[in-house]
Amino acid sequence: MQNKSMLILLLLLFVNCHPEEEEILDLNLFNKSETDETQRSEQANRLRVKNIKALRQLSLPDVKTRKEVTVLGFYEPGDGGGGVFTWNPISTEEDNGGTIISTVDLETGRWKRIYNDTINVKWFGAKGDGITDDTIEIQNALDIYGNIKFDYGIYIISKTLISIHSNRDIFSYDSAVLSLSDGALCEILILKNCENSTVRGLKFHGNSTKNRLDIGKFTVNDVDLGLSHSSALLKIKSCKNVKVENVQIEDSFIAPVVLENSINCKILNSISINHKREGFGIKGGQNCVIDNCHSESASPGLAWSLYFTSGIPGDKHKHNHVLSNNIAINAQAALMTINTTYTRVTGNVIKKTTPNHITSGPGIRLGHRQEYNSAENCLVDNNIISGITPDIPFGNDSGNRGISVDYGTGSVISNNSITDCNAGIGNTFSGDKTIYIIRNYIENVSSYGISVDYGQNSEIRENVLRNCSVGIRSRQKAGKIIKNKIKGFSIYGIGVFWGASEEIGGHEIRGNILENGMEGADYYRIDALSQQMFEGNVP
């Protein structure tokens, strides 16, 4: 009986001497069955603590005698913020809250997390619970060199995050979401002045139901927010060899992803839905690519372009950008390239499914109205375009074409399919420039199938046009209209206009086939032009 009382007393004393037993647990207590001397020696030098707070509060004897500490979580065991730390007795490095931890008792010496090259944002206290603002914690993680991992969760962001380190992979295997908080009218993440990095597997949410800009502006109540057409939830700025892959953007009040003044950067296999402004974009730079992406606007009256490239007005160096194999649904101008040269727009699918208005724009636009917004020596090839404002009156086609070219000197438009649109292919402001319109298929347009206004020496060759009000209209100097097939026109098949025979006398019009003109339609319509120019055409 006496022995039993003594045992109870010793147990009470043990509990009273360990007030933080809930946070600091000696692993030796859980390994009494171990017989291997090496394992027992290692376990004797390792402590297990509940969280980072407990790690900071380890007493001096524990710090001096333990080689490693296992931390079970940042706040609570199992929350993803835990890990193994080792003691460095001479370190005076700054405590960064995640990989380097100081103790409350010692100025010299740090606990250093054992890891390879990947940092988890939860190591720094990010919760990802959809409620807590995780901005500071994530920025602290980004400030450390290494790859950045986001576990599953919704991370609330209230201020733009900046990443400047090169050779970095920012990723999530679980489609983690970075969502702007209410009233946070800013970009979410900017990679700046870095190289050889990736962003993949993440979702970005703009919270546009709570974050709204003035209509058509980058202001709120006319207060300038410092945003612009190149602002984006995810921006790659002044970088080289950066790849954005498999990201998803929802409800953005600015562009989803933009490559700004960057070289050899790519946006691949990504999705943007329900955004209110511009789409995936390339601003300046060289050799950038947007490929195999899907972009859909919830507000076609506001979303000017779902994909765009633009540069500095007057900049004539070779940009060599590529927009390829993308899907675009609902916008004023689905794909637009201005102030860029040698851009390739290939293999894209463009469709409008919502009611459109006379203010709608083209499926693809090269250049924009002024010469300093030109798009020279570009290739537009093998795109599929449908539903570009098909129901507005004849003659209101300016800007409402499948493909529109404004100041597109040297550009080639070839092998595209354009159906159920107001107009097919046309240029309006090309001045004395030359473009090449070759082997396109155009069907069911309510206005002009192909219209070249102004310009010089442009070629319209081997195109197939069906059921257009007008097949081909040319108002240029010395153009070529060769081997086109036009069937089912209601106003005229081919028309050439300028107003003075000496200015248009150099036209070459041969080998065209015109069929099934509707009653009252002209096969050819000319303006002060000799009929002999149509020799060799059928009929």
Protein backbone atom coordinates (compact mmCIF):
# COMPACT_ATOMS: atom_id res chain seq x y z
CA MET A 1 0.00 0.00 0.00
CA GLN A 2 2.85 2.34 0.87
CA ASN A 3 4.59 1.59 -2.43
CA LYS A 4 1.41 2.37 -4.30
CA SER A 5 1.09 5.76 -2.57
CA MET A 6 4.70 6.61 -3.39
CA LEU A 7 4.10 5.78 -7.08
CA ILE A 8 1.08 8.08 -7.22
CA LEU A 9 3.10 10.89 -5.62
CA LEU A 10 5.92 10.50 -8.13
CA LEU A 11 3.47 10.64 -11.03
CA LEU A 12 1.92 13.86 -9.70
CA LEU A 13 5.36 15.43 -9.34
CA PHE A 14 6.21 14.41 -12.93
CA VAL A 15 3.09 16.08 -14.32
CA ASN A 16 3.68 19.28 -12.33
CA CYS A 17 7.27 19.51 -13.55
CA HIS A 18 6.21 19.33 -17.23
CA PRO A 19 3.60 22.05 -17.78
CA GLU A 20 4.27 22.12 -21.53
CA GLU A 21 4.00 18.33 -22.03
CA GLU A 22 1.18 19.04 -24.50
CA GLU A 23 3.58 20.92 -26.77
CA ILE A 24 6.96 19.22 -26.11
CA LEU A 25 7.09 15.40 -26.14
CA ASP A 26 10.29 13.36 -25.67
CA LEU A 27 10.37 10.70 -28.37
CA ASN A 28 12.18 8.37 -25.94
CA LEU A 29 8.85 7.84 -24.14
CA PHE A 30 7.38 6.24 -27.26
CA ASN A 31 10.27 3.94 -28.22
CA LYS A 32 10.89 1.71 -25.18
CA SER A 33 10.58 -1.40 -27.34
CA GLU A 34 13.55 -0.38 -29.54
CA THR A 35 16.57 -2.59 -28.89
CA ASP A 36 18.93 -1.41 -31.59
CA GLU A 37 21.55 0.75 -29.88
CA THR A 38 22.02 3.05 -32.87
CA GLN A 39 18.30 3.81 -33.11
CA ARG A 40 18.07 4.39 -29.37
CA SER A 41 21.04 6.79 -29.55
CA GLU A 42 19.43 8.79 -32.37
CA GLN A 43 16.05 8.96 -30.66
CA ALA A 44 17.68 10.14 -27.46
CA ASN A 45 18.88 13.22 -29.36
CA ARG A 46 15.55 14.05 -31.04
CA LEU A 47 12.60 15.91 -29.58
CA ARG A 48 9.07 16.20 -30.92
CA VAL A 49 7.23 19.48 -30.45
CA LYS A 50 3.69 20.53 -31.28
CA ASN A 51 4.34 23.68 -33.33
CA ILE A 52 6.77 26.45 -34.28
CA LYS A 53 5.90 28.41 -31.16
CA ALA A 54 7.02 25.48 -29.02
CA LEU A 55 10.25 25.24 -31.03
CA ARG A 56 11.06 28.86 -30.22
CA GLN A 57 10.45 28.23 -26.51
CA LEU A 58 12.72 25.23 -26.05
CA SER A 59 14.81 25.67 -22.90
CA LEU A 60 18.59 25.94 -22.98
CA PRO A 61 19.35 22.31 -21.91
CA ASP A 62 17.07 20.94 -24.67
CA VAL A 63 18.71 23.15 -27.29
CA LYS A 64 22.22 22.19 -26.24
CA THR A 65 21.65 18.43 -26.02
CA ARG A 66 19.32 17.67 -28.92
CA LYS A 67 20.60 17.33 -32.50
CA GLU A 68 17.19 17.44 -34.19
CA VAL A 69 13.62 18.45 -33.40
CA THR A 70 10.52 17.19 -35.19
CA VAL A 71 7.84 19.91 -35.40
CA LEU A 72 4.36 18.46 -35.90
CA GLY A 73 2.76 21.59 -37.44
CA PHE A 74 2.97 25.37 -37.73
CA TYR A 75 -0.08 25.95 -35.54
CA GLU A 76 -1.44 22.46 -34.91
CA PRO A 77 -0.13 18.96 -35.65
CA GLY A 78 -0.84 17.90 -39.20
CA ASP A 79 -1.55 21.39 -40.63
CA GLY A 80 1.27 21.08 -43.20
CA GLY A 81 3.64 23.50 -41.52
CA GLY A 82 5.72 20.96 -39.65
CA GLY A 83 9.08 19.41 -40.42
CA VAL A 84 12.47 18.42 -39.02
CA PHE A 85 14.88 21.08 -37.72
CA THR A 86 18.54 20.82 -36.78
CA TRP A 87 20.39 23.13 -34.38
CA ASN A 88 23.20 25.36 -35.70
CA PRO A 89 24.92 26.81 -32.59
CA ILE A 90 26.86 29.58 -34.39
CA SER A 91 24.21 30.93 -36.78
CA THR A 92 22.97 34.50 -36.43
CA GLU A 93 20.83 34.45 -39.58
CA GLU A 94 17.57 36.38 -39.54
CA ASP A 95 14.56 34.40 -38.39
CA ASN A 96 12.36 34.10 -41.52
CA GLY A 97 9.48 32.33 -39.83
CA GLY A 98 9.67 29.13 -41.85
CA THR A 99 13.13 27.68 -42.54
CA ILE A 100 15.22 29.56 -39.94
CA ILE A 101 13.86 29.81 -36.40
CA SER A 102 15.47 31.55 -33.41
CA THR A 103 14.82 30.75 -29.75
CA VAL A 104 13.61 33.18 -27.13
CA ASP A 105 16.63 32.59 -24.87
CA LEU A 106 19.62 32.74 -27.24
CA GLU A 107 20.91 35.48 -29.56
CA THR A 108 23.33 33.09 -31.28
CA GLY A 109 22.20 29.76 -32.71
CA ARG A 110 19.27 28.90 -34.96
CA TRP A 111 16.99 25.98 -35.71
CA LYS A 112 17.30 25.29 -39.45
CA ARG A 113 14.72 23.28 -41.35
CA ILE A 114 15.98 20.21 -43.18
CA TYR A 115 14.67 20.22 -46.77
CA ASN A 116 15.91 19.81 -50.31
CA ASP A 117 14.91 22.56 -52.76
CA THR A 118 11.12 22.93 -52.34
CA ILE A 119 9.44 25.26 -49.85
CA ASN A 120 5.84 24.81 -48.75
CA VAL A 121 3.99 28.08 -48.06
CA LYS A 122 2.40 26.41 -45.03
CA TRP A 123 5.85 26.27 -43.42
CA PHE A 124 5.56 30.04 -43.07
CA GLY A 125 2.08 29.98 -41.56
CA ALA A 126 -0.17 30.25 -44.63
CA LYS A 127 -3.44 28.51 -43.79
CA GLY A 128 -5.31 28.25 -47.09
CA ASP A 129 -8.63 28.12 -45.25
CA GLY A 130 -10.44 30.61 -47.50
CA ILE A 131 -10.84 33.04 -44.57
CA THR A 132 -7.42 34.07 -43.27
CA ASP A 133 -5.36 36.62 -45.20
CA ASP A 134 -2.23 34.66 -46.20
CA THR A 135 -0.46 37.45 -48.10
CA ILE A 136 2.43 38.08 -45.67
CA GLU A 137 3.11 34.40 -45.07
CA ILE A 138 3.24 33.59 -48.79
CA GLN A 139 5.43 36.60 -49.52
CA ASN A 140 7.84 35.44 -46.79
CA ALA A 141 8.04 32.07 -48.56
CA LEU A 142 8.61 33.71 -51.95
CA ASP A 143 11.47 35.75 -50.51
CA ILE A 144 13.41 32.54 -49.85
CA TYR A 145 15.34 31.00 -52.75
CA GLY A 146 13.84 27.69 -53.87
CA ASN A 147 10.79 26.10 -55.43
CA ILE A 148 7.41 27.08 -53.93
CA LYS A 149 4.67 24.54 -53.27
CA PHE A 150 1.02 25.24 -52.48
CA ASP A 151 -0.96 22.44 -50.84
CA TYR A 152 -4.69 22.22 -51.48
CA GLY A 153 -6.61 25.21 -50.11
CA ILE A 154 -7.93 28.69 -50.85
CA TYR A 155 -5.30 31.30 -50.03
CA ILE A 156 -6.67 34.82 -49.56
CA ILE A 157 -4.50 37.58 -51.06
CA SER A 158 -4.89 41.30 -50.28
CA LYS A 159 -1.70 42.69 -51.85
CA THR A 160 0.36 41.81 -54.92
CA LEU A 161 2.90 39.04 -54.35
CA ILE A 162 6.35 39.45 -55.95
CA SER A 163 8.78 36.68 -56.92
CA ILE A 164 12.27 37.69 -58.10
CA HIS A 165 14.25 34.45 -57.83
CA SER A 166 15.35 32.56 -60.95
CA ASN A 167 15.37 28.79 -61.50
CA ARG A 168 12.18 28.44 -59.51
CA ASP A 169 9.09 26.24 -59.83
CA ILE A 170 5.91 27.70 -58.27
CA PHE A 171 3.36 24.93 -58.31
CA SER A 172 0.47 22.98 -56.83
CA TYR A 173 -0.42 19.34 -57.31
CA ASP A 174 -3.86 19.96 -55.79
CA SER A 175 -5.15 22.97 -57.79
CA ALA A 176 -4.64 25.36 -54.87
CA VAL A 177 -6.51 28.67 -55.29
CA LEU A 178 -5.06 32.16 -54.83
CA SER A 179 -8.07 34.45 -54.42
CA LEU A 180 -8.20 38.22 -54.03
CA SER A 181 -9.91 39.47 -50.89
CA ASP A 182 -12.91 41.78 -51.09
CA GLY A 183 -11.77 45.22 -52.21
CA ALA A 184 -8.29 44.10 -53.26
CA LEU A 185 -8.09 45.72 -56.71
CA CYS A 186 -4.60 44.55 -57.55
CA GLU A 187 -2.62 41.87 -59.33
CA ILE A 188 -2.10 38.60 -57.44
CA LEU A 189 1.39 37.43 -58.45
CA ILE A 190 4.19 39.04 -60.46
CA LEU A 191 7.37 37.22 -61.49
CA LYS A 192 9.90 39.97 -62.11
CA ASN A 193 13.40 40.04 -63.63
CA CYS A 194 13.86 36.29 -63.32
CA GLU A 195 14.85 33.41 -65.61
CA ASN A 196 14.19 29.70 -66.12
CA SER A 197 11.12 29.45 -63.91
CA THR A 198 7.62 27.96 -64.08
CA VAL A 199 4.18 28.59 -62.62
CA ARG A 200 1.94 25.53 -62.88
CA GLY A 201 -1.14 23.84 -61.48
CA LEU A 202 -2.51 26.90 -59.64
CA LYS A 203 -5.90 28.62 -59.78
CA PHE A 204 -6.25 32.41 -59.57
CA HIS A 205 -9.57 33.99 -58.60
CA GLY A 206 -10.19 37.71 -59.13
CA ASN A 207 -13.39 37.89 -57.04
CA SER A 208 -14.86 40.24 -59.62
CA THR A 209 -18.30 40.24 -58.01
CA LYS A 210 -16.76 42.23 -55.13
CA ASN A 211 -13.84 43.81 -57.00
CA ARG A 212 -15.26 46.05 -59.72
CA LEU A 213 -13.70 48.76 -61.87
CA ASP A 214 -15.48 51.68 -63.47
CA ILE A 215 -16.90 50.56 -66.82
CA GLY A 216 -14.25 50.81 -69.54
CA LYS A 217 -11.66 52.24 -67.12
CA PHE A 218 -8.96 51.16 -64.69
CA THR A 219 -10.39 53.30 -61.90
CA VAL A 220 -12.91 53.09 -59.06
CA ASN A 221 -15.05 56.18 -58.66
CA ASP A 222 -12.54 57.80 -61.03
CA VAL A 223 -9.64 57.13 -58.61
CA ASP A 224 -6.57 55.86 -60.49
CA LEU A 225 -5.48 52.43 -59.24
CA GLY A 226 -2.24 52.23 -61.22
CA LEU A 227 -3.64 49.44 -63.39
CA SER A 228 -3.50 49.23 -67.21
CA HIS A 229 -4.21 46.97 -70.18
CA SER A 230 -1.10 44.98 -69.27
CA SER A 231 -2.21 44.41 -65.66
CA ALA A 232 -3.03 40.78 -64.90
CA LEU A 233 -3.79 38.46 -62.00
CA LEU A 234 -0.57 36.66 -63.00
CA LYS A 235 2.11 38.75 -64.72
CA ILE A 236 5.51 37.70 -66.04
CA LYS A 237 7.51 40.94 -66.28
CA SER A 238 10.97 41.43 -67.82
CA CYS A 239 11.75 37.72 -67.59
CA LYS A 240 13.44 35.10 -69.76
CA ASN A 241 12.47 31.47 -70.28
CA VAL A 242 9.50 31.48 -67.92
CA LYS A 243 6.62 29.06 -68.51
CA VAL A 244 3.05 29.34 -67.22
CA GLU A 245 1.33 25.98 -67.56
CA ASN A 246 -1.97 24.39 -66.52
CA VAL A 247 -3.21 27.40 -64.58
CA GLN A 248 -6.87 28.39 -64.33
CA ILE A 249 -8.13 31.96 -63.90
CA GLU A 250 -11.70 32.83 -62.92
CA ASP A 251 -13.67 36.03 -62.45
CA SER A 252 -10.85 38.44 -63.25
CA PHE A 253 -11.53 42.19 -63.52
CA ILE A 254 -8.18 42.58 -65.32
CA ALA A 255 -6.32 40.30 -67.74
CA PRO A 256 -5.73 36.74 -66.51
CA VAL A 257 -2.08 36.27 -67.56
CA VAL A 258 0.28 38.70 -69.34
CA LEU A 259 3.87 38.28 -70.52
CA GLU A 260 5.28 41.82 -70.38
CA ASN A 261 8.60 42.81 -71.97
CA SER A 262 9.77 39.22 -71.66
CA ILE A 263 11.79 36.91 -73.90
CA ASN A 264 11.14 33.24 -74.72
CA CYS A 265 8.26 32.97 -72.28
CA LYS A 266 5.13 30.82 -72.69
CA ILE A 267 1.53 30.42 -71.54
CA LEU A 268 0.47 26.82 -72.13
CA ASN A 269 -2.60 24.64 -71.53
CA SER A 270 -4.34 27.23 -69.37
CA ILE A 271 -7.95 28.37 -68.92
CA SER A 272 -9.57 31.72 -68.24
CA ILE A 273 -13.34 31.97 -67.75
CA ASN A 274 -15.76 34.71 -66.76
CA HIS A 275 -13.20 37.49 -66.99
CA LYS A 276 -14.34 41.04 -67.52
CA ARG A 277 -11.43 42.63 -69.43
CA GLU A 278 -8.56 41.55 -71.69
CA GLY A 279 -7.47 37.94 -71.88
CA PHE A 280 -4.13 36.15 -72.14
CA GLY A 281 -1.64 38.63 -73.49
CA ILE A 282 1.88 39.39 -74.69
CA LYS A 283 3.08 42.96 -74.22
CA GLY A 284 6.36 43.79 -75.96
CA GLY A 285 9.25 41.37 -75.69
CA GLN A 286 10.30 38.69 -78.19
CA ASN A 287 9.69 35.03 -79.03
CA CYS A 288 6.78 34.52 -76.64
CA VAL A 289 4.04 31.90 -77.07
CA ILE A 290 0.41 31.43 -76.04
CA ASP A 291 -0.59 27.87 -76.97
CA ASN A 292 -3.47 25.49 -76.32
CA CYS A 293 -5.35 27.80 -73.97
CA HIS A 294 -9.10 28.35 -73.49
CA SER A 295 -10.45 31.84 -72.86
CA GLU A 296 -14.10 32.74 -72.41
CA SER A 297 -15.56 36.09 -71.46
CA ALA A 298 -18.69 36.66 -69.42
CA SER A 299 -18.92 40.24 -70.70
CA PRO A 300 -18.34 40.43 -74.46
CA GLY A 301 -19.06 44.16 -74.40
CA LEU A 302 -16.10 44.74 -72.08
CA ALA A 303 -13.64 41.98 -72.93
CA TRP A 304 -11.83 43.68 -75.80
CA SER A 305 -9.60 40.73 -76.62
CA LEU A 306 -9.28 37.21 -75.26
CA TYR A 307 -5.73 36.94 -76.58
CA PHE A 308 -3.49 39.82 -77.56
CA THR A 309 0.01 40.89 -78.48
CA SER A 310 1.04 44.50 -78.35
CA GLY A 311 4.21 46.53 -78.32
CA ILE A 312 5.55 50.06 -78.27
CA PRO A 313 4.18 52.24 -81.09
CA GLY A 314 6.77 52.54 -83.86
CA ASP A 315 8.86 49.61 -82.58
CA LYS A 316 9.81 47.70 -85.76
CA HIS A 317 12.13 44.99 -84.43
CA LYS A 318 11.08 41.36 -84.93
CA HIS A 319 8.82 40.24 -82.10
CA ASN A 320 8.23 36.68 -83.40
CA HIS A 321 5.34 35.94 -81.04
CA VAL A 322 3.01 32.97 -81.51
CA LEU A 323 -0.71 32.59 -80.73
CA SER A 324 -1.56 28.99 -81.60
CA ASN A 325 -4.14 26.26 -80.99
CA ASN A 326 -6.21 28.38 -78.60
CA ILE A 327 -9.97 28.53 -78.11
CA ALA A 328 -11.68 31.92 -77.73
CA ILE A 329 -15.36 32.41 -76.94
CA ASN A 330 -17.13 35.79 -76.66
CA ALA A 331 -15.18 39.02 -76.92
CA GLN A 332 -15.12 42.19 -78.98
CA ALA A 333 -11.92 41.10 -80.71
CA ALA A 334 -11.02 37.53 -79.87
CA LEU A 335 -7.37 37.73 -80.96
CA MET A 336 -5.64 41.05 -81.51
CA THR A 337 -2.07 41.90 -82.41
CA ILE A 338 -0.94 45.53 -82.57
CA ASN A 339 2.47 47.20 -82.59
CA THR A 340 4.08 43.83 -83.24
CA THR A 341 5.84 42.30 -86.23
CA TYR A 342 6.34 38.74 -87.43
CA THR A 343 3.61 37.39 -85.16
CA ARG A 344 2.08 34.02 -86.06
CA VAL A 345 -1.61 33.40 -85.33
CA THR A 346 -2.28 29.76 -86.23
CA GLY A 347 -4.69 26.93 -85.47
CA ASN A 348 -7.03 28.90 -83.19
CA VAL A 349 -10.78 28.39 -82.81
CA ILE A 350 -12.88 31.53 -82.34
CA LYS A 351 -16.59 31.54 -81.64
CA LYS A 352 -19.21 33.94 -80.34
CA THR A 353 -22.27 32.47 -78.70
CA THR A 354 -23.90 35.45 -77.01
CA PRO A 355 -26.01 38.18 -78.68
CA ASN A 356 -23.72 40.73 -80.31
CA HIS A 357 -24.05 44.40 -81.12
CA ILE A 358 -22.79 46.75 -83.80
CA THR A 359 -19.92 47.65 -81.43
CA SER A 360 -18.60 44.11 -81.59
CA GLY A 361 -15.18 43.50 -83.12
CA PRO A 362 -13.46 40.99 -85.40
CA GLY A 363 -12.39 37.46 -84.64
CA ILE A 364 -8.76 38.31 -85.40
CA ARG A 365 -7.41 41.84 -85.72
CA LEU A 366 -3.99 42.73 -87.09
CA GLY A 367 -3.21 46.35 -86.29
CA HIS A 368 -5.71 48.91 -85.07
CA ARG A 369 -6.75 51.96 -87.12
CA GLN A 370 -3.55 54.00 -86.86
CA GLU A 371 -0.26 53.29 -88.62
CA TYR A 372 1.66 53.37 -85.35
CA ASN A 373 -0.51 50.42 -84.25
CA SER A 374 0.57 48.32 -87.21
CA ALA A 375 1.08 44.57 -87.35
CA GLU A 376 3.56 43.91 -90.13
CA ASN A 377 4.79 40.68 -91.72
CA CYS A 378 2.42 38.54 -89.66
CA LEU A 379 0.99 35.11 -90.52
CA VAL A 380 -2.67 34.26 -89.86
CA ASP A 381 -3.10 30.65 -90.88
CA ASN A 382 -5.46 27.72 -90.37
CA ASN A 383 -7.82 29.39 -87.88
CA ILE A 384 -11.53 28.54 -87.52
CA ILE A 385 -13.83 31.54 -86.94
CA SER A 386 -17.63 31.63 -86.60
CA GLY A 387 -20.47 33.77 -85.30
CA ILE A 388 -18.85 37.21 -85.61
CA THR A 389 -21.93 39.48 -85.53
CA PRO A 390 -23.83 37.72 -88.32
CA ASP A 391 -27.08 39.67 -88.13
CA ILE A 392 -26.27 43.38 -88.59
CA PRO A 393 -27.19 45.16 -91.86
CA PHE A 394 -25.07 45.01 -95.02
CA GLY A 395 -22.37 47.68 -95.11
CA ASN A 396 -21.79 47.79 -91.35
CA ASP A 397 -18.90 45.37 -91.60
CA SER A 398 -16.05 47.65 -90.52
CA GLY A 399 -14.48 45.95 -87.52
CA ASN A 400 -17.03 43.11 -87.57
CA ARG A 401 -15.10 40.70 -89.76
CA GLY A 402 -13.75 37.27 -89.24
CA ILE A 403 -10.28 38.71 -89.84
CA SER A 404 -9.52 42.44 -89.99
CA VAL A 405 -6.21 43.92 -91.10
CA ASP A 406 -5.24 47.53 -90.37
CA TYR A 407 -1.74 48.48 -91.47
CA GLY A 408 -0.58 44.90 -91.94
CA THR A 409 2.17 45.34 -94.51
CA GLY A 410 3.55 42.03 -95.73
CA SER A 411 1.09 39.91 -93.73
CA VAL A 412 -0.24 36.60 -95.05
CA ILE A 413 -3.80 35.42 -94.32
CA SER A 414 -4.15 31.82 -95.46
CA ASN A 415 -6.08 28.58 -95.00
CA ASN A 416 -8.60 30.02 -92.55
CA SER A 417 -12.25 28.96 -92.27
CA ILE A 418 -14.73 31.81 -91.64
CA THR A 419 -18.45 31.02 -91.37
CA ASP A 420 -21.65 32.69 -90.18
CA CYS A 421 -20.09 36.12 -89.79
CA ASN A 422 -21.03 39.63 -90.85
CA ALA A 423 -17.95 39.82 -93.10
CA GLY A 424 -15.06 37.56 -93.97
CA ILE A 425 -11.63 39.15 -94.44
CA GLY A 426 -10.91 42.81 -94.96
CA ASN A 427 -8.61 45.75 -94.47
CA THR A 428 -9.61 49.35 -94.04
CA PHE A 429 -6.61 51.52 -93.17
CA SER A 430 -3.70 49.90 -94.99
CA GLY A 431 -2.67 52.88 -97.08
CA ASP A 432 -0.16 51.88 -99.78
CA LYS A 433 0.58 48.49 -98.17
CA THR A 434 0.51 44.91 -99.43
CA ILE A 435 -1.21 41.89 -97.88
CA TYR A 436 -1.74 38.34 -99.16
CA ILE A 437 -5.13 36.59 -98.81
CA ILE A 438 -4.69 33.00 -99.99
CA ARG A 439 -6.71 29.74 -99.87
CA ASN A 440 -9.28 30.76 -97.27
CA TYR A 441 -12.79 29.28 -97.00
CA ILE A 442 -15.58 31.81 -96.34
CA GLU A 443 -19.27 30.90 -96.08
CA ASN A 444 -22.56 32.51 -95.01
CA VAL A 445 -21.51 36.12 -94.51
CA SER A 446 -24.04 38.92 -94.73
CA SER A 447 -21.64 41.50 -96.19
CA TYR A 448 -18.31 41.25 -98.04
CA GLY A 449 -16.52 37.91 -98.29
CA ILE A 450 -13.17 39.59 -98.97
CA SER A 451 -12.66 43.34 -99.06
CA VAL A 452 -9.33 45.08 -99.67
CA ASP A 453 -9.74 48.83 -99.29
CA TYR A 454 -6.78 50.93 -100.39
CA GLY A 455 -3.36 49.32 -100.33
CA GLN A 456 -1.26 48.34 -103.33
CA ASN A 457 -0.25 45.07 -104.99
CA SER A 458 -2.23 42.94 -102.55
CA GLU A 459 -3.06 39.41 -103.72
CA ILE A 460 -6.42 37.64 -103.37
CA ARG A 461 -5.72 34.14 -104.59
CA GLU A 462 -7.37 30.67 -104.58
CA ASN A 463 -10.04 31.46 -101.99
CA VAL A 464 -13.45 29.72 -101.85
CA LEU A 465 -16.46 31.91 -101.05
CA ARG A 466 -20.04 30.63 -100.66
CA ASN A 467 -23.26 32.47 -99.91
CA CYS A 468 -21.80 35.95 -99.44
CA SER A 469 -23.68 39.15 -100.30
CA VAL A 470 -20.52 40.27 -102.09
CA GLY A 471 -17.75 37.89 -103.06
CA ILE A 472 -14.65 40.07 -103.49
CA ARG A 473 -14.32 43.86 -103.41
CA SER A 474 -11.04 45.57 -104.28
CA ARG A 475 -10.40 49.28 -103.93
CA GLN A 476 -6.61 49.10 -104.07
CA LYS A 477 -4.00 49.95 -106.69
CA ALA A 478 -2.68 47.24 -109.00
CA GLY A 479 -4.11 44.29 -107.08
CA LYS A 480 -4.27 40.63 -108.09
CA ILE A 481 -7.49 38.59 -107.97
CA ILE A 482 -6.60 35.12 -109.21
CA LYS A 483 -8.24 31.66 -109.25
CA ASN A 484 -10.92 32.30 -106.64
CA LYS A 485 -14.20 30.31 -106.57
CA ILE A 486 -17.30 32.36 -105.72
CA LYS A 487 -20.71 30.72 -105.45
CA GLY A 488 -24.10 32.08 -104.37
CA PHE A 489 -23.65 35.89 -104.14
CA SER A 490 -26.62 38.25 -103.84
CA ILE A 491 -25.17 41.67 -104.88
CA TYR A 492 -22.06 41.03 -106.99
CA GLY A 493 -19.29 38.49 -107.34
CA ILE A 494 -16.19 40.60 -107.97
CA GLY A 495 -16.05 44.39 -107.82
CA VAL A 496 -13.12 46.70 -108.49
CA PHE A 497 -13.42 50.37 -107.53
CA TRP A 498 -11.14 53.38 -107.24
CA GLY A 499 -12.60 56.14 -109.37
CA ALA A 500 -9.85 56.69 -111.95
CA SER A 501 -8.96 54.08 -114.55
CA GLU A 502 -5.27 54.96 -114.56
CA GLU A 503 -5.03 54.17 -110.86
CA ILE A 504 -6.60 50.72 -111.07
CA GLY A 505 -5.52 49.73 -114.54
CA GLY A 506 -2.77 47.50 -113.20
CA HIS A 507 -5.20 44.97 -111.71
CA GLU A 508 -4.65 41.33 -112.66
CA ILE A 509 -7.98 39.51 -112.56
CA ARG A 510 -7.89 36.01 -114.03
CA GLY A 511 -8.90 32.42 -113.58
CA ASN A 512 -11.78 33.11 -111.20
CA ILE A 513 -14.96 30.99 -111.24
CA LEU A 514 -18.28 32.65 -110.33
CA GLU A 515 -21.47 30.58 -110.00
CA ASN A 516 -25.10 30.83 -108.91
CA GLY A 517 -25.40 34.57 -108.60
CA MET A 518 -28.87 35.37 -107.26
CA GLU A 519 -31.45 37.14 -109.41
CA GLY A 520 -30.44 40.75 -110.00
CA ALA A 521 -26.84 40.22 -108.85
CA ASP A 522 -23.89 41.32 -110.98
CA TYR A 523 -21.16 38.83 -111.65
CA TYR A 524 -18.73 41.75 -112.03
CA ARG A 525 -19.10 45.33 -110.96
CA ILE A 526 -16.60 47.90 -112.17
CA ASP A 527 -15.86 51.58 -111.73
CA ALA A 528 -14.38 53.20 -114.89
CA LEU A 529 -12.70 49.89 -115.62
CA SER A 530 -12.33 48.22 -119.01
CA GLN A 531 -14.18 44.90 -119.28
CA GLN A 532 -11.08 43.35 -120.84
CA MET A 533 -9.53 43.09 -117.37
CA PHE A 534 -11.88 40.18 -116.69
CA GLU A 535 -10.66 37.97 -119.51
CA GLY A 536 -10.12 34.35 -118.52
CA ASN A 537 -12.74 34.36 -115.77
CA VAL A 538 -15.85 32.16 -115.68
CA PRO A 539 -18.40 33.32 -116.54
